[in-house]
Amino acid sequence: PSLISPPTGCRFYPRCPRASDVCRA
């Protein structure tokens, strides 16, 4: 991800096969 506008929560969640809503939050 871009470090200028990184994902919230865990930064790996957009690529993670086990991600859930809590990972995004």
PDB file of all heavy atoms in Angstrom:
ATOM      1  N   PRO A   1       0.812  -1.224   0.000  1.00  0.00           N
ATOM      2  CA  PRO A   1       0.000   0.000   0.000  1.00  0.00           C
ATOM      3  C   PRO A   1       0.842   1.269   0.000  1.00  0.00           C
ATOM      4  O   PRO A   1       2.013   1.256   0.391  1.00  0.00           O
ATOM      5  CB  PRO A   1      -0.792  -0.112   1.307  1.00  0.00           C
ATOM      6  CG  PRO A   1       0.089  -0.913   2.201  1.00  0.00           C
ATOM      7  CD  PRO A   1       0.742  -1.922   1.295  1.00  0.00           C
ATOM      8  N   SER A   2       0.245   2.343  -0.431  1.00  0.00           N
ATOM      9  CA  SER A   2       0.880   3.653  -0.342  1.00  0.00           C
ATOM     10  C   SER A   2       1.000   4.062   1.121  1.00  0.00           C
ATOM     11  O   SER A   2       0.063   3.898   1.910  1.00  0.00           O
ATOM     12  CB  SER A   2       0.047   4.694  -1.093  1.00  0.00           C
ATOM     13  OG  SER A   2       0.458   6.010  -0.753  1.00  0.00           O
ATOM     14  N   LEU A   3       2.155   4.591   1.487  1.00  0.00           N
ATOM     15  CA  LEU A   3       2.339   5.058   2.858  1.00  0.00           C
ATOM     16  C   LEU A   3       1.792   6.475   3.047  1.00  0.00           C
ATOM     17  O   LEU A   3       1.735   6.965   4.174  1.00  0.00           O
ATOM     18  CB  LEU A   3       3.823   5.006   3.234  1.00  0.00           C
ATOM     19  CG  LEU A   3       4.441   3.606   3.239  1.00  0.00           C
ATOM     20  CD1 LEU A   3       5.905   3.666   3.659  1.00  0.00           C
ATOM     21  CD2 LEU A   3       3.670   2.668   4.153  1.00  0.00           C
ATOM     22  N   ILE A   4       1.396   7.119   1.955  1.00  0.00           N
ATOM     23  CA  ILE A   4       0.761   8.439   2.057  1.00  0.00           C
ATOM     24  C   ILE A   4      -0.709   8.286   2.432  1.00  0.00           C
ATOM     25  O   ILE A   4      -1.261   9.087   3.195  1.00  0.00           O
ATOM     26  CB  ILE A   4       0.932   9.216   0.734  1.00  0.00           C
ATOM     27  CG1 ILE A   4       2.419   9.536   0.529  1.00  0.00           C
ATOM     28  CG2 ILE A   4       0.099  10.496   0.739  1.00  0.00           C
ATOM     29  CD1 ILE A   4       2.725  10.214  -0.792  1.00  0.00           C
ATOM     30  N   SER A   5      -1.338   7.239   1.915  1.00  0.00           N
ATOM     31  CA  SER A   5      -2.729   6.961   2.301  1.00  0.00           C
ATOM     32  C   SER A   5      -2.862   5.470   2.619  1.00  0.00           C
ATOM     33  O   SER A   5      -3.492   4.724   1.860  1.00  0.00           O
ATOM     34  CB  SER A   5      -3.691   7.365   1.188  1.00  0.00           C
ATOM     35  OG  SER A   5      -3.323   6.731  -0.034  1.00  0.00           O
ATOM     36  N   PRO A   6      -2.249   5.016   3.701  1.00  0.00           N
ATOM     37  CA  PRO A   6      -2.234   3.584   4.005  1.00  0.00           C
ATOM     38  C   PRO A   6      -3.597   3.103   4.497  1.00  0.00           C
ATOM     39  O   PRO A   6      -4.428   3.900   4.952  1.00  0.00           O
ATOM     40  CB  PRO A   6      -1.194   3.481   5.123  1.00  0.00           C
ATOM     41  CG  PRO A   6      -1.265   4.802   5.818  1.00  0.00           C
ATOM     42  CD  PRO A   6      -1.538   5.798   4.726  1.00  0.00           C
ATOM     43  N   PRO A   7      -3.840   1.800   4.429  1.00  0.00           N
ATOM     44  CA  PRO A   7      -5.086   1.265   4.977  1.00  0.00           C
ATOM     45  C   PRO A   7      -5.166   1.524   6.482  1.00  0.00           C
ATOM     46  O   PRO A   7      -4.145   1.607   7.165  1.00  0.00           O
ATOM     47  CB  PRO A   7      -4.976  -0.242   4.704  1.00  0.00           C
ATOM     48  CG  PRO A   7      -3.937  -0.379   3.649  1.00  0.00           C
ATOM     49  CD  PRO A   7      -2.995   0.758   3.836  1.00  0.00           C
ATOM     50  N   THR A   8      -6.379   1.658   6.985  1.00  0.00           N
ATOM     51  CA  THR A   8      -6.559   1.747   8.435  1.00  0.00           C
ATOM     52  C   THR A   8      -6.362   0.356   9.033  1.00  0.00           C
ATOM     53  O   THR A   8      -6.396  -0.650   8.335  1.00  0.00           O
ATOM     54  CB  THR A   8      -7.966   2.254   8.774  1.00  0.00           C
ATOM     55  OG1 THR A   8      -8.926   1.373   8.159  1.00  0.00           O
ATOM     56  CG2 THR A   8      -8.177   3.665   8.262  1.00  0.00           C
ATOM     57  N   GLY A   9      -6.158   0.301  10.338  1.00  0.00           N
ATOM     58  CA  GLY A   9      -5.983  -0.986  10.991  1.00  0.00           C
ATOM     59  C   GLY A   9      -4.695  -1.654  10.569  1.00  0.00           C
ATOM     60  O   GLY A   9      -3.642  -1.024  10.450  1.00  0.00           O
ATOM     61  N   CYS A  10      -4.772  -2.960  10.310  1.00  0.00           N
ATOM     62  CA  CYS A  10      -3.610  -3.701   9.833  1.00  0.00           C
ATOM     63  C   CYS A  10      -3.370  -3.350   8.372  1.00  0.00           C
ATOM     64  O   CYS A  10      -4.265  -3.474   7.531  1.00  0.00           O
ATOM     65  CB  CYS A  10      -3.840  -5.207   9.985  1.00  0.00           C
ATOM     66  SG  CYS A  10      -2.494  -6.198   9.298  1.00  0.00           S
ATOM     67  N   ARG A  11      -2.176  -2.943   8.045  1.00  0.00           N
ATOM     68  CA  ARG A  11      -1.885  -2.510   6.678  1.00  0.00           C
ATOM     69  C   ARG A  11      -1.812  -3.669   5.693  1.00  0.00           C
ATOM     70  O   ARG A  11      -1.814  -3.446   4.477  1.00  0.00           O
ATOM     71  CB  ARG A  11      -0.590  -1.693   6.663  1.00  0.00           C
ATOM     72  CG  ARG A  11      -0.734  -0.360   7.398  1.00  0.00           C
ATOM     73  CD  ARG A  11       0.516   0.491   7.335  1.00  0.00           C
ATOM     74  NE  ARG A  11       0.281   1.800   7.947  1.00  0.00           N
ATOM     75  CZ  ARG A  11       1.181   2.762   8.025  1.00  0.00           C
ATOM     76  NH1 ARG A  11       2.407   2.568   7.545  1.00  0.00           N
ATOM     77  NH2 ARG A  11       0.886   3.918   8.589  1.00  0.00           N
ATOM     78  N   PHE A  12      -1.779  -4.892   6.173  1.00  0.00           N
ATOM     79  CA  PHE A  12      -1.734  -6.040   5.279  1.00  0.00           C
ATOM     80  C   PHE A  12      -3.128  -6.559   4.924  1.00  0.00           C
ATOM     81  O   PHE A  12      -3.263  -7.395   4.026  1.00  0.00           O
ATOM     82  CB  PHE A  12      -0.906  -7.169   5.917  1.00  0.00           C
ATOM     83  CG  PHE A  12      -0.673  -8.345   5.010  1.00  0.00           C
ATOM     84  CD1 PHE A  12      -0.006  -8.204   3.803  1.00  0.00           C
ATOM     85  CD2 PHE A  12      -1.151  -9.601   5.349  1.00  0.00           C
ATOM     86  CE1 PHE A  12       0.183  -9.293   2.948  1.00  0.00           C
ATOM     87  CE2 PHE A  12      -0.959 -10.691   4.515  1.00  0.00           C
ATOM     88  CZ  PHE A  12      -0.283 -10.538   3.316  1.00  0.00           C
ATOM     89  N   TYR A  13      -4.165  -6.050   5.570  1.00  0.00           N
ATOM     90  CA  TYR A  13      -5.473  -6.681   5.406  1.00  0.00           C
ATOM     91  C   TYR A  13      -5.981  -6.720   3.944  1.00  0.00           C
ATOM     92  O   TYR A  13      -6.656  -7.680   3.549  1.00  0.00           O
ATOM     93  CB  TYR A  13      -6.517  -6.040   6.334  1.00  0.00           C
ATOM     94  CG  TYR A  13      -7.253  -4.852   5.783  1.00  0.00           C
ATOM     95  CD1 TYR A  13      -8.311  -4.995   4.894  1.00  0.00           C
ATOM     96  CD2 TYR A  13      -6.902  -3.559   6.162  1.00  0.00           C
ATOM     97  CE1 TYR A  13      -8.983  -3.899   4.379  1.00  0.00           C
ATOM     98  CE2 TYR A  13      -7.564  -2.456   5.659  1.00  0.00           C
ATOM     99  CZ  TYR A  13      -8.604  -2.629   4.767  1.00  0.00           C
ATOM    100  OH  TYR A  13      -9.268  -1.549   4.258  1.00  0.00           O
ATOM    101  N   PRO A  14      -5.675  -5.710   3.063  1.00  0.00           N
ATOM    102  CA  PRO A  14      -6.184  -5.830   1.685  1.00  0.00           C
ATOM    103  C   PRO A  14      -5.617  -7.034   0.934  1.00  0.00           C
ATOM    104  O   PRO A  14      -6.210  -7.481  -0.056  1.00  0.00           O
ATOM    105  CB  PRO A  14      -5.730  -4.518   1.033  1.00  0.00           C
ATOM    106  CG  PRO A  14      -5.561  -3.563   2.163  1.00  0.00           C
ATOM    107  CD  PRO A  14      -5.008  -4.405   3.282  1.00  0.00           C
ATOM    108  N   ARG A  15      -4.496  -7.592   1.385  1.00  0.00           N
ATOM    109  CA  ARG A  15      -3.874  -8.731   0.706  1.00  0.00           C
ATOM    110  C   ARG A  15      -3.998 -10.022   1.512  1.00  0.00           C
ATOM    111  O   ARG A  15      -3.504 -11.066   1.077  1.00  0.00           O
ATOM    112  CB  ARG A  15      -2.388  -8.431   0.466  1.00  0.00           C
ATOM    113  CG  ARG A  15      -2.133  -7.136  -0.277  1.00  0.00           C
ATOM    114  CD  ARG A  15      -0.650  -6.785  -0.294  1.00  0.00           C
ATOM    115  NE  ARG A  15       0.137  -7.658  -1.147  1.00  0.00           N
ATOM    116  CZ  ARG A  15       1.466  -7.618  -1.227  1.00  0.00           C
ATOM    117  NH1 ARG A  15       2.148  -6.761  -0.475  1.00  0.00           N
ATOM    118  NH2 ARG A  15       2.113  -8.442  -2.014  1.00  0.00           N
ATOM    119  N   CYS A  16      -4.594  -9.960   2.673  1.00  0.00           N
ATOM    120  CA  CYS A  16      -4.565 -11.084   3.616  1.00  0.00           C
ATOM    121  C   CYS A  16      -5.747 -12.033   3.386  1.00  0.00           C
ATOM    122  O   CYS A  16      -6.909 -11.598   3.396  1.00  0.00           O
ATOM    123  CB  CYS A  16      -4.595 -10.574   5.051  1.00  0.00           C
ATOM    124  SG  CYS A  16      -4.533 -11.887   6.289  1.00  0.00           S
ATOM    125  N   PRO A  17      -5.496 -13.326   3.234  1.00  0.00           N
ATOM    126  CA  PRO A  17      -6.591 -14.274   3.016  1.00  0.00           C
ATOM    127  C   PRO A  17      -7.444 -14.527   4.258  1.00  0.00           C
ATOM    128  O   PRO A  17      -8.526 -15.106   4.146  1.00  0.00           O
ATOM    129  CB  PRO A  17      -5.853 -15.555   2.590  1.00  0.00           C
ATOM    130  CG  PRO A  17      -4.491 -15.439   3.189  1.00  0.00           C
ATOM    131  CD  PRO A  17      -4.170 -13.981   3.149  1.00  0.00           C
ATOM    132  N   ARG A  18      -6.986 -14.086   5.434  1.00  0.00           N
ATOM    133  CA  ARG A  18      -7.740 -14.322   6.666  1.00  0.00           C
ATOM    134  C   ARG A  18      -8.353 -13.037   7.222  1.00  0.00           C
ATOM    135  O   ARG A  18      -8.849 -13.017   8.338  1.00  0.00           O
ATOM    136  CB  ARG A  18      -6.820 -14.947   7.724  1.00  0.00           C
ATOM    137  CG  ARG A  18      -6.307 -16.321   7.336  1.00  0.00           C
ATOM    138  CD  ARG A  18      -5.183 -16.787   8.266  1.00  0.00           C
ATOM    139  NE  ARG A  18      -5.648 -17.098   9.600  1.00  0.00           N
ATOM    140  CZ  ARG A  18      -6.054 -18.299  10.009  1.00  0.00           C
ATOM    141  NH1 ARG A  18      -6.098 -19.308   9.137  1.00  0.00           N
ATOM    142  NH2 ARG A  18      -6.427 -18.505  11.254  1.00  0.00           N
ATOM    143  N   ALA A  19      -8.307 -11.958   6.453  1.00  0.00           N
ATOM    144  CA  ALA A  19      -8.749 -10.652   6.962  1.00  0.00           C
ATOM    145  C   ALA A  19     -10.256 -10.637   7.227  1.00  0.00           C
ATOM    146  O   ALA A  19     -11.036 -11.304   6.540  1.00  0.00           O
ATOM    147  CB  ALA A  19      -8.383  -9.558   5.969  1.00  0.00           C
ATOM    148  N   SER A  20     -10.632  -9.839   8.230  1.00  0.00           N
ATOM    149  CA  SER A  20     -12.045  -9.630   8.556  1.00  0.00           C
ATOM    150  C   SER A  20     -12.260  -8.143   8.823  1.00  0.00           C
ATOM    151  O   SER A  20     -11.326  -7.329   8.732  1.00  0.00           O
ATOM    152  CB  SER A  20     -12.438 -10.458   9.787  1.00  0.00           C
ATOM    153  OG  SER A  20     -11.769  -9.963  10.942  1.00  0.00           O
ATOM    154  N   ASP A  21     -13.468  -7.786   9.189  1.00  0.00           N
ATOM    155  CA  ASP A  21     -13.782  -6.378   9.436  1.00  0.00           C
ATOM    156  C   ASP A  21     -12.934  -5.793  10.556  1.00  0.00           C
ATOM    157  O   ASP A  21     -12.565  -4.611  10.511  1.00  0.00           O
ATOM    158  CB  ASP A  21     -15.264  -6.219   9.770  1.00  0.00           C
ATOM    159  CG  ASP A  21     -16.160  -6.445   8.569  1.00  0.00           C
ATOM    160  OD1 ASP A  21     -15.645  -6.385   7.431  1.00  0.00           O
ATOM    161  OD2 ASP A  21     -17.370  -6.685   8.763  1.00  0.00           O
ATOM    162  N   VAL A  22     -12.612  -6.590  11.573  1.00  0.00           N
ATOM    163  CA  VAL A  22     -11.823  -6.066  12.684  1.00  0.00           C
ATOM    164  C   VAL A  22     -10.405  -5.719  12.229  1.00  0.00           C
ATOM    165  O   VAL A  22      -9.785  -4.785  12.750  1.00  0.00           O
ATOM    166  CB  VAL A  22     -11.801  -7.064  13.869  1.00  0.00           C
ATOM    167  CG1 VAL A  22     -10.991  -8.318  13.535  1.00  0.00           C
ATOM    168  CG2 VAL A  22     -11.243  -6.400  15.131  1.00  0.00           C
ATOM    169  N   CYS A  23      -9.894  -6.443  11.232  1.00  0.00           N
ATOM    170  CA  CYS A  23      -8.555  -6.138  10.709  1.00  0.00           C
ATOM    171  C   CYS A  23      -8.547  -4.770  10.022  1.00  0.00           C
ATOM    172  O   CYS A  23      -7.563  -4.026  10.099  1.00  0.00           O
ATOM    173  CB  CYS A  23      -8.115  -7.209   9.721  1.00  0.00           C
ATOM    174  SG  CYS A  23      -8.157  -8.892  10.363  1.00  0.00           S
ATOM    175  N   ARG A  24      -9.647  -4.464   9.351  1.00  0.00           N
ATOM    176  CA  ARG A  24      -9.774  -3.178   8.670  1.00  0.00           C
ATOM    177  C   ARG A  24      -9.919  -2.038   9.685  1.00  0.00           C
ATOM    178  O   ARG A  24      -9.433  -0.933   9.460  1.00  0.00           O
ATOM    179  CB  ARG A  24     -10.984  -3.212   7.737  1.00  0.00           C
ATOM    180  CG  ARG A  24     -11.214  -1.920   6.947  1.00  0.00           C
ATOM    181  CD  ARG A  24     -12.451  -2.012   6.079  1.00  0.00           C
ATOM    182  NE  ARG A  24     -12.304  -3.026   5.030  1.00  0.00           N
ATOM    183  CZ  ARG A  24     -12.884  -4.206   5.048  1.00  0.00           C
ATOM    184  NH1 ARG A  24     -13.676  -4.542   6.069  1.00  0.00           N
ATOM    185  NH2 ARG A  24     -12.705  -5.068   4.071  1.00  0.00           N
ATOM    186  N   ALA A  25     -10.528  -2.322  10.810  1.00  0.00           N
ATOM    187  CA  ALA A  25     -10.844  -1.272  11.782  1.00  0.00           C
ATOM    188  C   ALA A  25      -9.678  -0.935  12.697  1.00  0.00           C
ATOM    189  O   ALA A  25      -9.469   0.225  13.033  1.00  0.00           O
ATOM    190  CB  ALA A  25     -12.049  -1.693  12.628  1.00  0.00           C
TER     191      ALA A  25
END
